PDB file of N, CA and C in Angstrom:
ATOM      1  N   MET A   1      89.007  87.413  17.232  1.00  0.00           N
ATOM      2  CA  MET A   1      89.790  86.534  16.387  1.00  0.00           C
ATOM      3  C   MET A   1      89.776  85.128  16.982  1.00  0.00           C
ATOM      4  N   LEU A   2      89.772  84.145  16.089  1.00  0.00           N
ATOM      5  CA  LEU A   2      89.793  82.758  16.526  1.00  0.00           C
ATOM      6  C   LEU A   2      91.171  82.396  17.068  1.00  0.00           C
ATOM      7  N   GLN A   3      91.180  81.536  18.044  1.00  0.00           N
ATOM      8  CA  GLN A   3      92.440  81.095  18.650  1.00  0.00           C
ATOM      9  C   GLN A   3      92.729  79.674  18.197  1.00  0.00           C
ATOM     10  N   THR A   4      93.162  79.552  16.952  1.00  0.00           N
ATOM     11  CA  THR A   4      93.507  78.259  16.373  1.00  0.00           C
ATOM     12  C   THR A   4      94.931  78.335  15.843  1.00  0.00           C
ATOM     13  N   GLY A   5      95.440  77.218  15.421  1.00  0.00           N
ATOM     14  CA  GLY A   5      96.756  77.171  14.791  1.00  0.00           C
ATOM     15  C   GLY A   5      96.693  77.378  13.296  1.00  0.00           C
ATOM     16  N   LEU A   6      95.525  77.734  12.787  1.00  0.00           N
ATOM     17  CA  LEU A   6      95.338  77.971  11.355  1.00  0.00           C
ATOM     18  C   LEU A   6      95.575  79.440  11.026  1.00  0.00           C
ATOM     19  N   GLU A   7      95.867  79.712   9.776  1.00  0.00           N
ATOM     20  CA  GLU A   7      95.917  81.105   9.330  1.00  0.00           C
ATOM     21  C   GLU A   7      94.480  81.616   9.244  1.00  0.00           C
ATOM     22  N   HIS A   8      94.303  82.881   9.584  1.00  0.00           N
ATOM     23  CA  HIS A   8      92.974  83.474   9.647  1.00  0.00           C
ATOM     24  C   HIS A   8      92.697  84.335   8.420  1.00  0.00           C
ATOM     25  N   VAL A   9      91.443  84.308   7.993  1.00  0.00           N
ATOM     26  CA  VAL A   9      90.969  85.222   6.959  1.00  0.00           C
ATOM     27  C   VAL A   9      90.159  86.274   7.697  1.00  0.00           C
ATOM     28  N   GLU A  10      90.658  87.525   7.669  1.00  0.00           N
ATOM     29  CA  GLU A  10      90.044  88.574   8.489  1.00  0.00           C
ATOM     30  C   GLU A  10      89.525  89.764   7.692  1.00  0.00           C
ATOM     31  N   SER A  11      89.699  89.739   6.376  1.00  0.00           N
ATOM     32  CA  SER A  11      89.259  90.873   5.564  1.00  0.00           C
ATOM     33  C   SER A  11      88.878  90.389   4.175  1.00  0.00           C
ATOM     34  N   GLN A  12      88.177  91.244   3.463  1.00  0.00           N
ATOM     35  CA  GLN A  12      87.829  90.913   2.084  1.00  0.00           C
ATOM     36  C   GLN A  12      89.098  90.759   1.247  1.00  0.00           C
ATOM     37  N   GLU A  13      90.080  91.603   1.513  1.00  0.00           N
ATOM     38  CA  GLU A  13      91.337  91.535   0.774  1.00  0.00           C
ATOM     39  C   GLU A  13      92.046  90.194   0.997  1.00  0.00           C
ATOM     40  N   SER A  14      92.096  89.741   2.253  1.00  0.00           N
ATOM     41  CA  SER A  14      92.765  88.462   2.521  1.00  0.00           C
ATOM     42  C   SER A  14      91.972  87.294   1.943  1.00  0.00           C
ATOM     43  N   PHE A  15      90.646  87.401   1.913  1.00  0.00           N
ATOM     44  CA  PHE A  15      89.802  86.377   1.309  1.00  0.00           C
ATOM     45  C   PHE A  15      90.063  86.294  -0.197  1.00  0.00           C
ATOM     46  N   GLU A  16      90.046  87.439  -0.857  1.00  0.00           N
ATOM     47  CA  GLU A  16      90.278  87.465  -2.306  1.00  0.00           C
ATOM     48  C   GLU A  16      91.686  86.989  -2.652  1.00  0.00           C
ATOM     49  N   SER A  17      92.654  87.383  -1.865  1.00  0.00           N
ATOM     50  CA  SER A  17      94.032  86.961  -2.078  1.00  0.00           C
ATOM     51  C   SER A  17      94.166  85.449  -1.905  1.00  0.00           C
ATOM     52  N   LEU A  18      93.527  84.912  -0.897  1.00  0.00           N
ATOM     53  CA  LEU A  18      93.546  83.474  -0.648  1.00  0.00           C
ATOM     54  C   LEU A  18      93.045  82.699  -1.864  1.00  0.00           C
ATOM     55  N   LEU A  19      91.911  83.114  -2.401  1.00  0.00           N
ATOM     56  CA  LEU A  19      91.331  82.405  -3.540  1.00  0.00           C
ATOM     57  C   LEU A  19      92.144  82.592  -4.813  1.00  0.00           C
ATOM     58  N   LYS A  20      92.801  83.710  -4.928  1.00  0.00           N
ATOM     59  CA  LYS A  20      93.615  83.983  -6.109  1.00  0.00           C
ATOM     60  C   LYS A  20      94.938  83.222  -6.070  1.00  0.00           C
ATOM     61  N   GLU A  21      95.512  83.093  -4.890  1.00  0.00           N
ATOM     62  CA  GLU A  21      96.853  82.519  -4.745  1.00  0.00           C
ATOM     63  C   GLU A  21      96.881  81.008  -4.555  1.00  0.00           C
ATOM     64  N   HIS A  22      95.732  80.409  -4.221  1.00  0.00           N
ATOM     65  CA  HIS A  22      95.700  78.968  -3.940  1.00  0.00           C
ATOM     66  C   HIS A  22      94.631  78.281  -4.781  1.00  0.00           C
ATOM     67  N   GLU A  23      95.026  77.206  -5.427  1.00  0.00           N
ATOM     68  CA  GLU A  23      94.093  76.438  -6.263  1.00  0.00           C
ATOM     69  C   GLU A  23      93.033  75.749  -5.409  1.00  0.00           C
ATOM     70  N   ASN A  24      93.444  75.169  -4.285  1.00  0.00           N
ATOM     71  CA  ASN A  24      92.561  74.392  -3.418  1.00  0.00           C
ATOM     72  C   ASN A  24      92.512  75.026  -2.033  1.00  0.00           C
ATOM     73  N   VAL A  25      91.299  75.323  -1.580  1.00  0.00           N
ATOM     74  CA  VAL A  25      91.133  75.998  -0.292  1.00  0.00           C
ATOM     75  C   VAL A  25      90.019  75.320   0.500  1.00  0.00           C
ATOM     76  N   MET A  26      90.311  75.050   1.768  1.00  0.00           N
ATOM     77  CA  MET A  26      89.282  74.647   2.731  1.00  0.00           C
ATOM     78  C   MET A  26      89.199  75.767   3.758  1.00  0.00           C
ATOM     79  N   LEU A  27      88.034  76.405   3.846  1.00  0.00           N
ATOM     80  CA  LEU A  27      87.820  77.539   4.738  1.00  0.00           C
ATOM     81  C   LEU A  27      86.724  77.174   5.728  1.00  0.00           C
ATOM     82  N   CYS A  28      87.032  77.284   6.999  1.00  0.00           N
ATOM     83  CA  CYS A  28      86.075  76.969   8.049  1.00  0.00           C
ATOM     84  C   CYS A  28      85.684  78.253   8.765  1.00  0.00           C
ATOM     85  N   CYS A  29      84.414  78.600   8.685  1.00  0.00           N
ATOM     86  CA  CYS A  29      83.900  79.829   9.285  1.00  0.00           C
ATOM     87  C   CYS A  29      83.089  79.447  10.521  1.00  0.00           C
ATOM     88  N   GLY A  30      83.602  79.839  11.693  1.00  0.00           N
ATOM     89  CA  GLY A  30      82.913  79.441  12.910  1.00  0.00           C
ATOM     90  C   GLY A  30      83.314  80.264  14.109  1.00  0.00           C
ATOM     91  N   ARG A  31      83.091  79.673  15.269  1.00  0.00           N
ATOM     92  CA  ARG A  31      83.408  80.292  16.555  1.00  0.00           C
ATOM     93  C   ARG A  31      84.276  79.326  17.351  1.00  0.00           C
ATOM     94  N   MET A  32      84.664  79.751  18.538  1.00  0.00           N
ATOM     95  CA  MET A  32      85.439  78.889  19.432  1.00  0.00           C
ATOM     96  C   MET A  32      84.454  78.096  20.288  1.00  0.00           C
ATOM     97  N   GLY A  33      83.709  77.212  19.647  1.00  0.00           N
ATOM     98  CA  GLY A  33      82.695  76.432  20.342  1.00  0.00           C
ATOM     99  C   GLY A  33      82.832  74.946  20.081  1.00  0.00           C
ATOM    100  N   PRO A  34      82.013  74.144  20.740  1.00  0.00           N
ATOM    101  CA  PRO A  34      82.153  72.689  20.699  1.00  0.00           C
ATOM    102  C   PRO A  34      81.912  72.052  19.333  1.00  0.00           C
ATOM    103  N   MET A  35      81.174  72.681  18.470  1.00  0.00           N
ATOM    104  CA  MET A  35      80.944  72.135  17.136  1.00  0.00           C
ATOM    105  C   MET A  35      82.072  72.504  16.181  1.00  0.00           C
ATOM    106  N   CYS A  36      82.746  73.592  16.439  1.00  0.00           N
ATOM    107  CA  CYS A  36      83.782  74.103  15.539  1.00  0.00           C
ATOM    108  C   CYS A  36      85.181  73.605  15.886  1.00  0.00           C
ATOM    109  N   LEU A  37      85.487  73.519  17.175  1.00  0.00           N
ATOM    110  CA  LEU A  37      86.836  73.161  17.598  1.00  0.00           C
ATOM    111  C   LEU A  37      87.338  71.849  16.993  1.00  0.00           C
ATOM    112  N   PRO A  38      86.503  70.796  16.944  1.00  0.00           N
ATOM    113  CA  PRO A  38      86.999  69.559  16.334  1.00  0.00           C
ATOM    114  C   PRO A  38      87.361  69.725  14.856  1.00  0.00           C
ATOM    115  N   VAL A  39      86.633  70.549  14.145  1.00  0.00           N
ATOM    116  CA  VAL A  39      86.925  70.762  12.720  1.00  0.00           C
ATOM    117  C   VAL A  39      88.238  71.522  12.561  1.00  0.00           C
ATOM    118  N   TYR A  40      88.454  72.544  13.386  1.00  0.00           N
ATOM    119  CA  TYR A  40      89.735  73.255  13.336  1.00  0.00           C
ATOM    120  C   TYR A  40      90.893  72.291  13.618  1.00  0.00           C
ATOM    121  N   ASP A  41      90.722  71.431  14.624  1.00  0.00           N
ATOM    122  CA  ASP A  41      91.775  70.470  14.970  1.00  0.00           C
ATOM    123  C   ASP A  41      92.060  69.519  13.809  1.00  0.00           C
ATOM    124  N   ILE A  42      91.014  69.050  13.179  1.00  0.00           N
ATOM    125  CA  ILE A  42      91.177  68.159  12.018  1.00  0.00           C
ATOM    126  C   ILE A  42      91.956  68.871  10.924  1.00  0.00           C
ATOM    127  N   MET A  43      91.584  70.104  10.645  1.00  0.00           N
ATOM    128  CA  MET A  43      92.270  70.870   9.602  1.00  0.00           C
ATOM    129  C   MET A  43      93.752  71.040   9.942  1.00  0.00           C
ATOM    130  N   GLU A  44      94.035  71.382  11.188  1.00  0.00           N
ATOM    131  CA  GLU A  44      95.429  71.554  11.613  1.00  0.00           C
ATOM    132  C   GLU A  44      96.219  70.258  11.430  1.00  0.00           C
ATOM    133  N   ASN A  45      95.605  69.144  11.753  1.00  0.00           N
ATOM    134  CA  ASN A  45      96.278  67.856  11.666  1.00  0.00           C
ATOM    135  C   ASN A  45      96.445  67.350  10.238  1.00  0.00           C
ATOM    136  N   LEU A  46      95.663  67.859   9.311  1.00  0.00           N
ATOM    137  CA  LEU A  46      95.721  67.393   7.919  1.00  0.00           C
ATOM    138  C   LEU A  46      96.650  68.225   7.033  1.00  0.00           C
ATOM    139  N   ARG A  47      97.170  69.311   7.535  1.00  0.00           N
ATOM    140  CA  ARG A  47      97.991  70.201   6.697  1.00  0.00           C
ATOM    141  C   ARG A  47      99.157  69.481   6.035  1.00  0.00           C
ATOM    142  N   ASP A  48      99.873  68.661   6.776  1.00  0.00           N
ATOM    143  CA  ASP A  48     101.024  67.965   6.194  1.00  0.00           C
ATOM    144  C   ASP A  48     100.597  66.874   5.211  1.00  0.00           C
ATOM    145  N   GLU A  49      99.446  66.273   5.476  1.00  0.00           N
ATOM    146  CA  GLU A  49      98.935  65.194   4.621  1.00  0.00           C
ATOM    147  C   GLU A  49      98.375  65.729   3.297  1.00  0.00           C
ATOM    148  N   TYR A  50      97.925  66.965   3.301  1.00  0.00           N
ATOM    149  CA  TYR A  50      97.337  67.603   2.114  1.00  0.00           C
ATOM    150  C   TYR A  50      98.047  68.930   1.839  1.00  0.00           C
ATOM    151  N   PRO A  51      99.298  68.878   1.408  1.00  0.00           N
ATOM    152  CA  PRO A  51     100.035  70.129   1.177  1.00  0.00           C
ATOM    153  C   PRO A  51      99.475  70.958   0.018  1.00  0.00           C
ATOM    154  N   GLU A  52      98.675  70.342  -0.814  1.00  0.00           N
ATOM    155  CA  GLU A  52      98.086  71.051  -1.947  1.00  0.00           C
ATOM    156  C   GLU A  52      96.855  71.872  -1.559  1.00  0.00           C
ATOM    157  N   VAL A  53      96.460  71.814  -0.302  1.00  0.00           N
ATOM    158  CA  VAL A  53      95.267  72.522   0.170  1.00  0.00           C
ATOM    159  C   VAL A  53      95.672  73.624   1.149  1.00  0.00           C
ATOM    160  N   ALA A  54      95.117  74.807   0.959  1.00  0.00           N
ATOM    161  CA  ALA A  54      95.296  75.913   1.907  1.00  0.00           C
ATOM    162  C   ALA A  54      94.167  75.819   2.933  1.00  0.00           C
ATOM    163  N   PHE A  55      94.510  75.515   4.173  1.00  0.00           N
ATOM    164  CA  PHE A  55      93.543  75.404   5.258  1.00  0.00           C
ATOM    165  C   PHE A  55      93.489  76.736   6.001  1.00  0.00           C
ATOM    166  N   ARG A  56      92.299  77.330   6.082  1.00  0.00           N
ATOM    167  CA  ARG A  56      92.142  78.623   6.734  1.00  0.00           C
ATOM    168  C   ARG A  56      90.873  78.632   7.573  1.00  0.00           C
ATOM    169  N   ASP A  57      90.836  79.547   8.543  1.00  0.00           N
ATOM    170  CA  ASP A  57      89.624  79.752   9.315  1.00  0.00           C
ATOM    171  C   ASP A  57      89.170  81.205   9.191  1.00  0.00           C
ATOM    172  N   MET A  58      87.925  81.436   9.585  1.00  0.00           N
ATOM    173  CA  MET A  58      87.332  82.774   9.571  1.00  0.00           C
ATOM    174  C   MET A  58      86.374  82.861  10.750  1.00  0.00           C
ATOM    175  N   ASP A  59      86.444  83.955  11.471  1.00  0.00           N
ATOM    176  CA  ASP A  59      85.562  84.194  12.614  1.00  0.00           C
ATOM    177  C   ASP A  59      84.146  84.483  12.111  1.00  0.00           C
ATOM    178  N   PHE A  60      83.185  83.664  12.544  1.00  0.00           N
ATOM    179  CA  PHE A  60      81.796  83.813  12.112  1.00  0.00           C
ATOM    180  C   PHE A  60      81.234  85.180  12.480  1.00  0.00           C
ATOM    181  N   ASP A  61      81.769  85.798  13.512  1.00  0.00           N
ATOM    182  CA  ASP A  61      81.298  87.108  13.955  1.00  0.00           C
ATOM    183  C   ASP A  61      82.244  88.234  13.552  1.00  0.00           C
ATOM    184  N   GLY A  62      83.248  87.909  12.743  1.00  0.00           N
ATOM    185  CA  GLY A  62      84.238  88.895  12.337  1.00  0.00           C
ATOM    186  C   GLY A  62      83.782  89.734  11.150  1.00  0.00           C
ATOM    187  N   PRO A  63      84.543  90.769  10.834  1.00  0.00           N
ATOM    188  CA  PRO A  63      84.161  91.707   9.784  1.00  0.00           C
ATOM    189  C   PRO A  63      84.103  91.101   8.387  1.00  0.00           C
ATOM    190  N   ALA A  64      84.823  90.021   8.127  1.00  0.00           N
ATOM    191  CA  ALA A  64      84.822  89.427   6.781  1.00  0.00           C
ATOM    192  C   ALA A  64      83.778  88.328   6.627  1.00  0.00           C
ATOM    193  N   SER A  65      83.107  87.962   7.696  1.00  0.00           N
ATOM    194  CA  SER A  65      82.201  86.811   7.646  1.00  0.00           C
ATOM    195  C   SER A  65      81.035  86.982   6.672  1.00  0.00           C
ATOM    196  N   HIS A  66      80.691  88.207   6.347  1.00  0.00           N
ATOM    197  CA  HIS A  66      79.602  88.409   5.382  1.00  0.00           C
ATOM    198  C   HIS A  66      79.933  87.769   4.034  1.00  0.00           C
ATOM    199  N   LEU A  67      81.212  87.606   3.742  1.00  0.00           N
ATOM    200  CA  LEU A  67      81.624  86.981   2.484  1.00  0.00           C
ATOM    201  C   LEU A  67      81.194  85.528   2.425  1.00  0.00           C
ATOM    202  N   VAL A  68      81.030  84.912   3.571  1.00  0.00           N
ATOM    203  CA  VAL A  68      80.576  83.528   3.650  1.00  0.00           C
ATOM    204  C   VAL A  68      79.086  83.473   3.971  1.00  0.00           C
ATOM    205  N   ARG A  69      78.657  84.245   4.936  1.00  0.00           N
ATOM    206  CA  ARG A  69      77.278  84.166   5.425  1.00  0.00           C
ATOM    207  C   ARG A  69      76.240  84.545   4.375  1.00  0.00           C
ATOM    208  N   ARG A  70      76.628  85.317   3.383  1.00  0.00           N
ATOM    209  CA  ARG A  70      75.674  85.753   2.347  1.00  0.00           C
ATOM    210  C   ARG A  70      75.620  84.816   1.137  1.00  0.00           C
ATOM    211  N   LEU A  71      76.434  83.799   1.126  1.00  0.00           N
ATOM    212  CA  LEU A  71      76.444  82.872  -0.017  1.00  0.00           C
ATOM    213  C   LEU A  71      75.131  82.099  -0.105  1.00  0.00           C
ATOM    214  N   PRO A  72      74.579  81.968  -1.301  1.00  0.00           N
ATOM    215  CA  PRO A  72      73.334  81.198  -1.442  1.00  0.00           C
ATOM    216  C   PRO A  72      73.489  79.745  -0.994  1.00  0.00           C
ATOM    217  N   GLU A  73      74.687  79.208  -1.126  1.00  0.00           N
ATOM    218  CA  GLU A  73      74.938  77.808  -0.770  1.00  0.00           C
ATOM    219  C   GLU A  73      74.827  77.534   0.722  1.00  0.00           C
ATOM    220  N   VAL A  74      74.847  78.584   1.559  1.00  0.00           N
ATOM    221  CA  VAL A  74      74.779  78.381   3.013  1.00  0.00           C
ATOM    222  C   VAL A  74      73.479  78.896   3.630  1.00  0.00           C
ATOM    223  N   ARG A  75      72.574  79.371   2.817  1.00  0.00           N
ATOM    224  CA  ARG A  75      71.331  79.957   3.341  1.00  0.00           C
ATOM    225  C   ARG A  75      70.550  79.018   4.247  1.00  0.00           C
ATOM    226  N   SER A  76      70.574  77.734   3.934  1.00  0.00           N
ATOM    227  CA  SER A  76      69.781  76.781   4.718  1.00  0.00           C
ATOM    228  C   SER A  76      70.552  76.219   5.912  1.00  0.00           C
ATOM    229  N   PHE A  77      71.800  76.594   6.078  1.00  0.00           N
ATOM    230  CA  PHE A  77      72.613  76.068   7.169  1.00  0.00           C
ATOM    231  C   PHE A  77      72.120  76.596   8.516  1.00  0.00           C
ATOM    232  N   THR A  78      72.041  75.706   9.483  1.00  0.00           N
ATOM    233  CA  THR A  78      71.595  76.099  10.817  1.00  0.00           C
ATOM    234  C   THR A  78      72.644  75.831  11.891  1.00  0.00           C
ATOM    235  N   GLY A  79      73.709  75.132  11.543  1.00  0.00           N
ATOM    236  CA  GLY A  79      74.735  74.818  12.522  1.00  0.00           C
ATOM    237  C   GLY A  79      76.100  75.299  12.105  1.00  0.00           C
ATOM    238  N   LEU A  80      76.924  75.604  13.095  1.00  0.00           N
ATOM    239  CA  LEU A  80      78.302  76.006  12.841  1.00  0.00           C
ATOM    240  C   LEU A  80      79.201  74.793  13.030  1.00  0.00           C
ATOM    241  N   PRO A  81      80.340  74.792  12.374  1.00  0.00           N
ATOM    242  CA  PRO A  81      80.855  75.809  11.462  1.00  0.00           C
ATOM    243  C   PRO A  81      80.312  75.624  10.044  1.00  0.00           C
ATOM    244  N   PHE A  82      80.492  76.671   9.249  1.00  0.00           N
ATOM    245  CA  PHE A  82      80.277  76.574   7.812  1.00  0.00           C
ATOM    246  C   PHE A  82      81.640  76.232   7.227  1.00  0.00           C
ATOM    247  N   THR A  83      81.728  75.128   6.515  1.00  0.00           N
ATOM    248  CA  THR A  83      82.994  74.717   5.919  1.00  0.00           C
ATOM    249  C   THR A  83      82.860  74.776   4.409  1.00  0.00           C
ATOM    250  N   LEU A  84      83.740  75.545   3.796  1.00  0.00           N
ATOM    251  CA  LEU A  84      83.664  75.793   2.361  1.00  0.00           C
ATOM    252  C   LEU A  84      84.914  75.249   1.679  1.00  0.00           C
ATOM    253  N   TYR A  85      84.696  74.624   0.549  1.00  0.00           N
ATOM    254  CA  TYR A  85      85.788  74.080  -0.253  1.00  0.00           C
ATOM    255  C   TYR A  85      85.797  74.814  -1.592  1.00  0.00           C
ATOM    256  N   TYR A  86      86.925  75.423  -1.912  1.00  0.00           N
ATOM    257  CA  TYR A  86      87.080  76.179  -3.154  1.00  0.00           C
ATOM    258  C   TYR A  86      88.099  75.498  -4.050  1.00  0.00           C
ATOM    259  N   LYS A  87      87.820  75.502  -5.337  1.00  0.00           N
ATOM    260  CA  LYS A  87      88.744  75.002  -6.352  1.00  0.00           C
ATOM    261  C   LYS A  87      88.837  76.067  -7.431  1.00  0.00           C
ATOM    262  N   ASP A  88      90.053  76.512  -7.697  1.00  0.00           N
ATOM    263  CA  ASP A  88      90.288  77.552  -8.710  1.00  0.00           C
ATOM    264  C   ASP A  88      89.415  78.779  -8.481  1.00  0.00           C
ATOM    265  N   GLY A  89      89.260  79.170  -7.213  1.00  0.00           N
ATOM    266  CA  GLY A  89      88.513  80.377  -6.873  1.00  0.00           C
ATOM    267  C   GLY A  89      87.007  80.220  -6.844  1.00  0.00           C
ATOM    268  N   LYS A  90      86.511  79.016  -7.134  1.00  0.00           N
ATOM    269  CA  LYS A  90      85.062  78.788  -7.159  1.00  0.00           C
ATOM    270  C   LYS A  90      84.658  77.856  -6.033  1.00  0.00           C
ATOM    271  N   LEU A  91      83.532  78.152  -5.411  1.00  0.00           N
ATOM    272  CA  LEU A  91      82.998  77.305  -4.360  1.00  0.00           C
ATOM    273  C   LEU A  91      82.486  76.009  -4.986  1.00  0.00           C
ATOM    274  N   VAL A  92      83.018  74.876  -4.529  1.00  0.00           N
ATOM    275  CA  VAL A  92      82.623  73.592  -5.104  1.00  0.00           C
ATOM    276  C   VAL A  92      81.891  72.699  -4.103  1.00  0.00           C
ATOM    277  N   GLU A  93      81.937  73.052  -2.817  1.00  0.00           N
ATOM    278  CA  GLU A  93      81.258  72.259  -1.786  1.00  0.00           C
ATOM    279  C   GLU A  93      81.106  73.124  -0.546  1.00  0.00           C
ATOM    280  N   ALA A  94      79.993  72.943   0.142  1.00  0.00           N
ATOM    281  CA  ALA A  94      79.770  73.648   1.406  1.00  0.00           C
ATOM    282  C   ALA A  94      79.057  72.697   2.354  1.00  0.00           C
ATOM    283  N   THR A  95      79.561  72.621   3.587  1.00  0.00           N
ATOM    284  CA  THR A  95      78.946  71.780   4.602  1.00  0.00           C
ATOM    285  C   THR A  95      78.759  72.596   5.873  1.00  0.00           C
ATOM    286  N   SER A  96      77.931  72.093   6.765  1.00  0.00           N
ATOM    287  CA  SER A  96      77.754  72.779   8.043  1.00  0.00           C
ATOM    288  C   SER A  96      77.756  71.768   9.176  1.00  0.00           C
ATOM    289  N   SER A  97      78.017  72.274  10.342  1.00  0.00           N
ATOM    290  CA  SER A  97      78.046  71.522  11.592  1.00  0.00           C
ATOM    291  C   SER A  97      79.324  70.715  11.725  1.00  0.00           C
ATOM    292  N   ILE A  98      79.418  70.028  12.830  1.00  0.00           N
ATOM    293  CA  ILE A  98      80.610  69.265  13.161  1.00  0.00           C
ATOM    294  C   ILE A  98      80.843  68.185  12.099  1.00  0.00           C
ATOM    295  N   GLN A  99      82.103  67.901  11.833  1.00  0.00           N
ATOM    296  CA  GLN A  99      82.474  66.863  10.886  1.00  0.00           C
ATOM    297  C   GLN A  99      83.549  65.988  11.515  1.00  0.00           C
ATOM    298  N   THR A 100      83.587  64.753  11.076  1.00  0.00           N
ATOM    299  CA  THR A 100      84.637  63.838  11.510  1.00  0.00           C
ATOM    300  C   THR A 100      85.819  63.957  10.558  1.00  0.00           C
ATOM    301  N   ARG A 101      86.938  63.427  10.989  1.00  0.00           N
ATOM    302  CA  ARG A 101      88.117  63.390  10.123  1.00  0.00           C
ATOM    303  C   ARG A 101      87.795  62.647   8.823  1.00  0.00           C
ATOM    304  N   SER A 102      87.069  61.564   8.926  1.00  0.00           N
ATOM    305  CA  SER A 102      86.696  60.775   7.749  1.00  0.00           C
ATOM    306  C   SER A 102      85.853  61.591   6.765  1.00  0.00           C
ATOM    307  N   GLN A 103      84.920  62.370   7.270  1.00  0.00           N
ATOM    308  CA  GLN A 103      84.095  63.212   6.395  1.00  0.00           C
ATOM    309  C   GLN A 103      84.947  64.265   5.699  1.00  0.00           C
ATOM    310  N   VAL A 104      85.850  64.884   6.447  1.00  0.00           N
ATOM    311  CA  VAL A 104      86.707  65.914   5.865  1.00  0.00           C
ATOM    312  C   VAL A 104      87.633  65.310   4.816  1.00  0.00           C
ATOM    313  N   THR A 105      88.299  64.203   5.137  1.00  0.00           N
ATOM    314  CA  THR A 105      89.227  63.604   4.167  1.00  0.00           C
ATOM    315  C   THR A 105      88.490  63.084   2.946  1.00  0.00           C
ATOM    316  N   SER A 106      87.278  62.613   3.133  1.00  0.00           N
ATOM    317  CA  SER A 106      86.469  62.178   1.986  1.00  0.00           C
ATOM    318  C   SER A 106      86.220  63.349   1.035  1.00  0.00           C
ATOM    319  N   ASN A 107      85.867  64.505   1.592  1.00  0.00           N
ATOM    320  CA  ASN A 107      85.655  65.700   0.758  1.00  0.00           C
ATOM    321  C   ASN A 107      86.958  66.138   0.090  1.00  0.00           C
ATOM    322  N   LEU A 108      88.044  66.175   0.848  1.00  0.00           N
ATOM    323  CA  LEU A 108      89.330  66.599   0.284  1.00  0.00           C
ATOM    324  C   LEU A 108      89.768  65.673  -0.848  1.00  0.00           C
ATOM    325  N   ASP A 109      89.636  64.369  -0.639  1.00  0.00           N
ATOM    326  CA  ASP A 109      90.034  63.410  -1.676  1.00  0.00           C
ATOM    327  C   ASP A 109      89.154  63.546  -2.921  1.00  0.00           C
ATOM    328  N   ARG A 110      87.864  63.642  -2.722  1.00  0.00           N
ATOM    329  CA  ARG A 110      86.928  63.737  -3.852  1.00  0.00           C
ATOM    330  C   ARG A 110      87.128  65.041  -4.633  1.00  0.00           C
ATOM    331  N   LEU A 111      87.301  66.124  -3.923  1.00  0.00           N
ATOM    332  CA  LEU A 111      87.364  67.427  -4.577  1.00  0.00           C
ATOM    333  C   LEU A 111      88.743  67.772  -5.137  1.00  0.00           C
ATOM    334  N   TYR A 112      89.802  67.321  -4.469  1.00  0.00           N
ATOM    335  CA  TYR A 112      91.141  67.779  -4.832  1.00  0.00           C
ATOM    336  C   TYR A 112      92.087  66.696  -5.343  1.00  0.00           C
ATOM    337  N   ARG A 113      91.769  65.445  -5.098  1.00  0.00           N
ATOM    338  CA  ARG A 113      92.702  64.396  -5.484  1.00  0.00           C
ATOM    339  C   ARG A 113      92.155  63.435  -6.535  1.00  0.00           C
ATOM    340  N   ASN A 114      90.879  63.314  -6.614  1.00  0.00           N
ATOM    341  CA  ASN A 114      90.291  62.350  -7.552  1.00  0.00           C
ATOM    342  C   ASN A 114      89.637  63.038  -8.749  1.00  0.00           C
ATOM    343  N   GLY A 115      90.297  64.057  -9.238  1.00  0.00           N
ATOM    344  CA  GLY A 115      89.793  64.738 -10.427  1.00  0.00           C
ATOM    345  C   GLY A 115      88.736  65.777 -10.166  1.00  0.00           C
ATOM    346  N   GLY A 116      88.393  66.010  -8.878  1.00  0.00           N
ATOM    347  CA  GLY A 116      87.421  66.998  -8.418  1.00  0.00           C
ATOM    348  C   GLY A 116      87.026  67.942  -9.423  1.00  0.00           C
TER     349      GLY A 116
END
C-alpha cells in the first residue's frame, strides 16, 4: 500500500464506487518513488483548493492496478506515475511521469472548471 495522505483505491469495488460517487476524479497510479512522490504531494496540497475533485491514489503493483494498466490510453506510457482524470465516470485525460503543480492545476482547471 502507498504511504500517502490520500485515500487509496485498492480494489475493483472501490474503483467503481469512486467513479460512481464522484463527478470529478484525479487518480494517480504509481509507487513510492521519486517521480511519483511530488505528484502525490501536489494532490494532497490541492484538496482544499479543488473541493469538487476526488483525489485518490492507487498502488501500481497492487491488485487493482490492472484497472489502470490495461487502459488503451496508457499503453504508450513509459514513466510513472500514470495520472488519470475522470469526469462523470469517463476517462477524459491521462498523463504519465512527474508533473509540476502548474501542469496539474492546468489540467484540473481545463477539465473541471472551464466547461471541461
